[in-house]
PDB file of N, CA and C in Angstrom:
ATOM      1  N   UNK A   1       0.630  -1.197   0.394  1.00  0.00           N
ATOM      2  CA  UNK A   1       0.063   0.119   0.024  1.00  0.00           C
ATOM      3  C   UNK A   1       0.994   1.662   0.024  1.00  0.00           C
ATOM      4  N   UNK A   2       0.655   2.207  -1.208  1.00  0.00           N
ATOM      5  CA  UNK A   2       1.195   3.724  -0.870  1.00  0.00           C
ATOM      6  C   UNK A   2       1.026   4.370   0.726  1.00  0.00           C
ATOM      7  N   UNK A   3       1.896   5.017   0.776  1.00  0.00           N
ATOM      8  CA  UNK A   3       1.265   6.151   1.397  1.00  0.00           C
ATOM      9  C   UNK A   3       1.036   7.243   1.384  1.00  0.00           C
ATOM     10  N   UNK A   4       0.068   7.886   1.398  1.00  0.00           N
ATOM     11  CA  UNK A   4      -0.457   8.651   1.255  1.00  0.00           C
ATOM     12  C   UNK A   4      -0.756   9.988   2.210  1.00  0.00           C
ATOM     13  N   UNK A   5      -0.554   9.670   3.183  1.00  0.00           N
ATOM     14  CA  UNK A   5      -0.839  10.474   4.473  1.00  0.00           C
ATOM     15  C   UNK A   5      -2.154  10.466   4.729  1.00  0.00           C
ATOM     16  N   UNK A   6      -3.078   9.427   4.140  1.00  0.00           N
ATOM     17  CA  UNK A   6      -4.494   9.668   4.902  1.00  0.00           C
ATOM     18  C   UNK A   6      -4.343   8.370   5.164  1.00  0.00           C
ATOM     19  N   UNK A   7      -5.449   8.150   6.050  1.00  0.00           N
ATOM     20  CA  UNK A   7      -6.075   6.851   6.725  1.00  0.00           C
ATOM     21  C   UNK A   7      -7.044   6.722   6.434  1.00  0.00           C
ATOM     22  N   UNK A   8      -7.773   5.193   6.020  1.00  0.00           N
ATOM     23  CA  UNK A   8      -8.714   4.786   5.677  1.00  0.00           C
ATOM     24  C   UNK A   8      -9.812   4.680   6.605  1.00  0.00           C
ATOM     25  N   UNK A   9     -10.829   4.759   7.487  1.00  0.00           N
ATOM     26  CA  UNK A   9     -11.435   3.858   8.468  1.00  0.00           C
ATOM     27  C   UNK A   9     -11.488   2.124   8.321  1.00  0.00           C
ATOM     28  N   UNK A  10     -12.189   1.712   6.863  1.00  0.00           N
ATOM     29  CA  UNK A  10     -11.863   0.638   6.943  1.00  0.00           C
ATOM     30  C   UNK A  10     -10.636  -0.184   6.663  1.00  0.00           C
ATOM     31  N   UNK A  11      -9.619   0.656   5.903  1.00  0.00           N
ATOM     32  CA  UNK A  11      -8.715  -0.546   6.305  1.00  0.00           C
ATOM     33  C   UNK A  11      -7.799  -0.566   7.648  1.00  0.00           C
ATOM     34  N   UNK A  12      -7.904   0.662   8.195  1.00  0.00           N
ATOM     35  CA  UNK A  12      -7.928   0.620   9.735  1.00  0.00           C
ATOM     36  C   UNK A  12      -7.979  -0.622  10.380  1.00  0.00           C
ATOM     37  N   UNK A  13      -9.317  -0.212  10.452  1.00  0.00           N
ATOM     38  CA  UNK A  13     -10.060  -1.519  11.254  1.00  0.00           C
ATOM     39  C   UNK A  13      -9.936  -3.052  11.236  1.00  0.00           C
ATOM     40  N   UNK A  14      -9.511  -3.217   9.527  1.00  0.00           N
ATOM     41  CA  UNK A  14      -9.002  -4.383   9.178  1.00  0.00           C
ATOM     42  C   UNK A  14      -7.516  -4.613   9.708  1.00  0.00           C
ATOM     43  N   UNK A  15      -7.074  -3.847  10.044  1.00  0.00           N
ATOM     44  CA  UNK A  15      -5.112  -4.261  10.025  1.00  0.00           C
ATOM     45  C   UNK A  15      -4.817  -4.052  12.563  1.00  0.00           C
ATOM     46  N   UNK A  16      -5.804  -3.289  12.454  1.00  0.00           N
ATOM     47  CA  UNK A  16      -5.047  -3.230  13.837  1.00  0.00           C
ATOM     48  C   UNK A  16      -6.544  -4.095  14.634  1.00  0.00           C
ATOM     49  N   UNK A  17      -5.559  -4.719  15.707  1.00  0.00           N
ATOM     50  CA  UNK A  17      -6.630  -5.786  16.720  1.00  0.00           C
ATOM     51  C   UNK A  17      -7.133  -4.802  17.123  1.00  0.00           C
ATOM     52  N   UNK A  18      -8.156  -5.549  17.600  1.00  0.00           N
ATOM     53  CA  UNK A  18      -9.670  -4.571  19.066  1.00  0.00           C
ATOM     54  C   UNK A  18      -9.188  -5.363  20.084  1.00  0.00           C
ATOM     55  N   UNK A  19      -9.305  -4.651  21.192  1.00  0.00           N
ATOM     56  CA  UNK A  19      -8.424  -5.122  22.145  1.00  0.00           C
ATOM     57  C   UNK A  19      -9.684  -5.348  23.271  1.00  0.00           C
ATOM     58  N   UNK A  20     -10.561  -5.684  24.106  1.00  0.00           N
ATOM     59  CA  UNK A  20     -10.902  -5.674  25.027  1.00  0.00           C
ATOM     60  C   UNK A  20     -10.441  -5.001  25.886  1.00  0.00           C
ATOM     61  N   UNK A  21     -11.637  -4.342  26.667  1.00  0.00           N
ATOM     62  CA  UNK A  21     -11.544  -3.291  27.114  1.00  0.00           C
ATOM     63  C   UNK A  21     -10.964  -3.751  28.848  1.00  0.00           C
ATOM     64  N   UNK A  22     -11.285  -5.328  29.082  1.00  0.00           N
ATOM     65  CA  UNK A  22     -10.312  -5.761  30.174  1.00  0.00           C
ATOM     66  C   UNK A  22      -9.622  -6.492  30.712  1.00  0.00           C
ATOM     67  N   UNK A  23      -9.011  -6.230  29.301  1.00  0.00           N
ATOM     68  CA  UNK A  23      -7.140  -6.778  29.123  1.00  0.00           C
ATOM     69  C   UNK A  23      -6.781  -5.253  29.351  1.00  0.00           C
ATOM     70  N   UNK A  24      -7.116  -3.539  29.469  1.00  0.00           N
ATOM     71  CA  UNK A  24      -6.469  -2.678  29.567  1.00  0.00           C
ATOM     72  C   UNK A  24      -6.406  -2.517  31.269  1.00  0.00           C
ATOM     73  N   UNK A  25      -5.496  -2.434  31.958  1.00  0.00           N
ATOM     74  CA  UNK A  25      -5.211  -1.939  33.857  1.00  0.00           C
ATOM     75  C   UNK A  25      -4.730  -0.507  33.906  1.00  0.00           C
ATOM     76  N   UNK A  26      -4.255  -0.493  35.120  1.00  0.00           N
ATOM     77  CA  UNK A  26      -3.855   1.130  35.283  1.00  0.00           C
ATOM     78  C   UNK A  26      -4.554   2.156  34.601  1.00  0.00           C
ATOM     79  N   UNK A  27      -5.671   2.436  34.556  1.00  0.00           N
ATOM     80  CA  UNK A  27      -5.975   3.633  32.790  1.00  0.00           C
ATOM     81  C   UNK A  27      -6.173   4.866  33.566  1.00  0.00           C
ATOM     82  N   UNK A  28      -4.979   5.423  33.176  1.00  0.00           N
ATOM     83  CA  UNK A  28      -4.888   7.070  33.642  1.00  0.00           C
ATOM     84  C   UNK A  28      -4.693   7.546  32.907  1.00  0.00           C
ATOM     85  N   UNK A  29      -5.614   9.096  32.724  1.00  0.00           N
ATOM     86  CA  UNK A  29      -5.416  10.428  31.849  1.00  0.00           C
ATOM     87  C   UNK A  29      -4.492  11.034  31.457  1.00  0.00           C
ATOM     88  N   UNK A  30      -4.501  11.108  30.305  1.00  0.00           N
ATOM     89  CA  UNK A  30      -3.142  11.881  30.034  1.00  0.00           C
ATOM     90  C   UNK A  30      -3.419  13.641  29.156  1.00  0.00           C
ATOM     91  N   UNK A  31      -4.720  13.640  28.154  1.00  0.00           N
ATOM     92  CA  UNK A  31      -4.419  14.978  27.968  1.00  0.00           C
ATOM     93  C   UNK A  31      -5.661  14.711  27.509  1.00  0.00           C
ATOM     94  N   UNK A  32      -6.416  15.980  26.969  1.00  0.00           N
ATOM     95  CA  UNK A  32      -7.716  16.382  26.156  1.00  0.00           C
ATOM     96  C   UNK A  32      -7.204  17.159  24.733  1.00  0.00           C
ATOM     97  N   UNK A  33      -7.705  17.275  23.469  1.00  0.00           N
ATOM     98  CA  UNK A  33      -7.458  17.894  22.772  1.00  0.00           C
ATOM     99  C   UNK A  33      -8.861  17.053  22.526  1.00  0.00           C
ATOM    100  N   UNK A  34      -8.589  18.471  21.154  1.00  0.00           N
ATOM    101  CA  UNK A  34      -9.632  18.624  19.855  1.00  0.00           C
ATOM    102  C   UNK A  34     -10.958  17.138  19.482  1.00  0.00           C
ATOM    103  N   UNK A  35      -9.993  16.181  19.082  1.00  0.00           N
ATOM    104  CA  UNK A  35     -10.854  15.376  18.967  1.00  0.00           C
ATOM    105  C   UNK A  35     -10.603  14.173  19.612  1.00  0.00           C
ATOM    106  N   UNK A  36      -9.949  14.293  20.661  1.00  0.00           N
ATOM    107  CA  UNK A  36     -10.897  13.191  21.995  1.00  0.00           C
ATOM    108  C   UNK A  36      -9.840  13.616  22.918  1.00  0.00           C
ATOM    109  N   UNK A  37      -9.690  12.122  24.132  1.00  0.00           N
ATOM    110  CA  UNK A  37      -8.997  12.008  25.056  1.00  0.00           C
ATOM    111  C   UNK A  37      -7.873  10.905  24.911  1.00  0.00           C
ATOM    112  N   UNK A  38      -6.893  10.902  25.468  1.00  0.00           N
ATOM    113  CA  UNK A  38      -6.111  10.159  25.234  1.00  0.00           C
ATOM    114  C   UNK A  38      -5.484   9.211  26.838  1.00  0.00           C
ATOM    115  N   UNK A  39      -5.301   8.377  27.232  1.00  0.00           N
ATOM    116  CA  UNK A  39      -5.445   7.331  28.295  1.00  0.00           C
ATOM    117  C   UNK A  39      -4.034   6.777  28.703  1.00  0.00           C
ATOM    118  N   UNK A  40      -2.993   6.405  29.378  1.00  0.00           N
ATOM    119  CA  UNK A  40      -2.159   5.628  29.502  1.00  0.00           C
ATOM    120  C   UNK A  40      -2.601   4.388  30.256  1.00  0.00           C
ATOM    121  N   UNK A  41      -2.329   3.473  29.445  1.00  0.00           N
ATOM    122  CA  UNK A  41      -2.761   1.947  30.495  1.00  0.00           C
ATOM    123  C   UNK A  41      -1.321   0.626  30.753  1.00  0.00           C
ATOM    124  N   UNK A  42      -2.273  -0.312  30.852  1.00  0.00           N
ATOM    125  CA  UNK A  42      -1.237  -1.684  31.119  1.00  0.00           C
ATOM    126  C   UNK A  42      -1.958  -2.465  30.215  1.00  0.00           C
ATOM    127  N   UNK A  43      -1.504  -3.366  29.149  1.00  0.00           N
ATOM    128  CA  UNK A  43      -2.059  -4.068  28.610  1.00  0.00           C
ATOM    129  C   UNK A  43      -1.768  -6.105  29.174  1.00  0.00           C
ATOM    130  N   UNK A  44      -2.640  -6.619  29.834  1.00  0.00           N
ATOM    131  CA  UNK A  44      -2.700  -7.551  30.527  1.00  0.00           C
ATOM    132  C   UNK A  44      -1.703  -8.596  30.236  1.00  0.00           C
ATOM    133  N   UNK A  45      -2.038  -8.741  29.280  1.00  0.00           N
ATOM    134  CA  UNK A  45      -1.371  -9.620  27.663  1.00  0.00           C
ATOM    135  C   UNK A  45      -0.310  -9.366  27.345  1.00  0.00           C
ATOM    136  N   UNK A  46      -0.016  -8.498  26.706  1.00  0.00           N
ATOM    137  CA  UNK A  46       1.181  -7.656  26.320  1.00  0.00           C
ATOM    138  C   UNK A  46       2.363  -7.442  27.180  1.00  0.00           C
ATOM    139  N   UNK A  47       2.024  -6.938  28.345  1.00  0.00           N
ATOM    140  CA  UNK A  47       2.916  -6.656  29.437  1.00  0.00           C
ATOM    141  C   UNK A  47       3.524  -5.287  28.809  1.00  0.00           C
ATOM    142  N   UNK A  48       2.485  -4.477  28.800  1.00  0.00           N
ATOM    143  CA  UNK A  48       3.542  -3.035  28.220  1.00  0.00           C
ATOM    144  C   UNK A  48       2.790  -2.111  28.460  1.00  0.00           C
ATOM    145  N   UNK A  49       2.897  -1.121  28.228  1.00  0.00           N
ATOM    146  CA  UNK A  49       2.041  -0.004  28.260  1.00  0.00           C
ATOM    147  C   UNK A  49       1.825   0.784  26.797  1.00  0.00           C
ATOM    148  N   UNK A  50       0.298   0.940  27.356  1.00  0.00           N
ATOM    149  CA  UNK A  50      -0.160   1.217  25.773  1.00  0.00           C
ATOM    150  C   UNK A  50      -1.252   2.461  25.538  1.00  0.00           C
ATOM    151  N   UNK A  51      -1.037   3.349  24.148  1.00  0.00           N
ATOM    152  CA  UNK A  51      -2.131   4.294  24.446  1.00  0.00           C
ATOM    153  C   UNK A  51      -3.427   3.777  23.965  1.00  0.00           C
ATOM    154  N   UNK A  52      -4.562   4.798  25.023  1.00  0.00           N
ATOM    155  CA  UNK A  52      -5.937   4.256  24.939  1.00  0.00           C
ATOM    156  C   UNK A  52      -6.579   5.791  24.443  1.00  0.00           C
ATOM    157  N   UNK A  53      -6.645   5.768  22.996  1.00  0.00           N
ATOM    158  CA  UNK A  53      -6.846   7.371  22.329  1.00  0.00           C
ATOM    159  C   UNK A  53      -8.489   6.901  21.858  1.00  0.00           C
ATOM    160  N   UNK A  54      -9.608   7.948  22.982  1.00  0.00           N
ATOM    161  CA  UNK A  54     -11.183   8.061  22.559  1.00  0.00           C
ATOM    162  C   UNK A  54     -11.441   9.209  21.705  1.00  0.00           C
ATOM    163  N   UNK A  55     -12.013   8.907  20.714  1.00  0.00           N
ATOM    164  CA  UNK A  55     -12.328  10.079  19.709  1.00  0.00           C
ATOM    165  C   UNK A  55     -13.960  10.345  20.193  1.00  0.00           C
ATOM    166  N   UNK A  56     -13.831  11.577  19.783  1.00  0.00           N
ATOM    167  CA  UNK A  56     -15.248  12.166  19.932  1.00  0.00           C
ATOM    168  C   UNK A  56     -15.897  12.124  19.071  1.00  0.00           C
ATOM    169  N   UNK A  57     -17.567  11.417  19.318  1.00  0.00           N
ATOM    170  CA  UNK A  57     -18.213  11.277  18.245  1.00  0.00           C
ATOM    171  C   UNK A  57     -18.904  12.302  17.368  1.00  0.00           C
ATOM    172  N   UNK A  58     -18.395  13.633  17.478  1.00  0.00           N
ATOM    173  CA  UNK A  58     -19.045  14.709  15.990  1.00  0.00           C
ATOM    174  C   UNK A  58     -17.599  15.196  15.783  1.00  0.00           C
ATOM    175  N   UNK A  59     -16.591  14.410  15.630  1.00  0.00           N
ATOM    176  CA  UNK A  59     -15.545  14.859  14.737  1.00  0.00           C
ATOM    177  C   UNK A  59     -15.389  13.827  13.563  1.00  0.00           C
ATOM    178  N   UNK A  60     -14.836  14.154  12.322  1.00  0.00           N
ATOM    179  CA  UNK A  60     -14.840  13.433  11.221  1.00  0.00           C
ATOM    180  C   UNK A  60     -13.546  12.480  11.572  1.00  0.00           C
ATOM    181  N   UNK A  61     -14.365  11.600  11.682  1.00  0.00           N
ATOM    182  CA  UNK A  61     -13.686   9.682  11.758  1.00  0.00           C
ATOM    183  C   UNK A  61     -12.186   9.835  10.776  1.00  0.00           C
ATOM    184  N   UNK A  62     -12.431  10.336   9.917  1.00  0.00           N
ATOM    185  CA  UNK A  62     -11.103  10.161   8.658  1.00  0.00           C
ATOM    186  C   UNK A  62      -9.910  11.475   9.090  1.00  0.00           C
ATOM    187  N   UNK A  63     -10.569  12.766   9.826  1.00  0.00           N
ATOM    188  CA  UNK A  63      -9.743  13.914   9.780  1.00  0.00           C
ATOM    189  C   UNK A  63      -9.215  13.224  11.038  1.00  0.00           C
ATOM    190  N   UNK A  64      -9.810  13.307  11.998  1.00  0.00           N
ATOM    191  CA  UNK A  64      -8.626  12.239  13.702  1.00  0.00           C
ATOM    192  C   UNK A  64      -7.884  11.100  13.327  1.00  0.00           C
ATOM    193  N   UNK A  65      -8.105  10.454  12.259  1.00  0.00           N
ATOM    194  CA  UNK A  65      -7.601   9.213  12.920  1.00  0.00           C
ATOM    195  C   UNK A  65      -5.845  10.061  11.621  1.00  0.00           C
ATOM    196  N   UNK A  66      -6.294  10.573  10.969  1.00  0.00           N
ATOM    197  CA  UNK A  66      -4.556  11.161  10.230  1.00  0.00           C
ATOM    198  C   UNK A  66      -4.219  11.704  11.503  1.00  0.00           C
ATOM    199  N   UNK A  67      -4.738  12.654  12.074  1.00  0.00           N
ATOM    200  CA  UNK A  67      -4.132  13.696  13.282  1.00  0.00           C
ATOM    201  C   UNK A  67      -3.518  12.616  13.743  1.00  0.00           C
ATOM    202  N   UNK A  68      -4.166  11.218  14.363  1.00  0.00           N
ATOM    203  CA  UNK A  68      -3.474  10.387  15.645  1.00  0.00           C
ATOM    204  C   UNK A  68      -2.500   9.804  15.087  1.00  0.00           C
ATOM    205  N   UNK A  69      -2.592   9.136  13.855  1.00  0.00           N
ATOM    206  CA  UNK A  69      -1.662   8.362  12.625  1.00  0.00           C
ATOM    207  C   UNK A  69      -0.612   8.565  12.125  1.00  0.00           C
ATOM    208  N   UNK A  70      -0.481   9.970  11.496  1.00  0.00           N
ATOM    209  CA  UNK A  70      -0.091  10.237  10.695  1.00  0.00           C
ATOM    210  C   UNK A  70       0.553  10.928  11.417  1.00  0.00           C
ATOM    211  N   UNK A  71       2.345  10.893  11.964  1.00  0.00           N
ATOM    212  CA  UNK A  71       3.120  12.101  12.379  1.00  0.00           C
ATOM    213  C   UNK A  71       4.222  11.974  11.776  1.00  0.00           C
TER     214      UNK A  71
END
C-alpha cells in the first residue's frame, strides 16, 4: 500500500487488533484535545504500556485518524 498521508477507516479497522477493555489495567488520563481524550494503560497480555485514544463522536473520523496516526 502506498503511503499517501491519509488513513481510511475501513483499512484501519481491518489491520488493527480489537483490544477488549478488560485487558487494560491502570488506566490514567493523559490529555484532552480537539479530537478526543488520551489515556495511558497497561495491557495485561502484552505486559506493556499502551495509549488509549477515545475519539469524539462528533469529529470527522478520517480527519481524526489522520491526526492520531500520521505524524
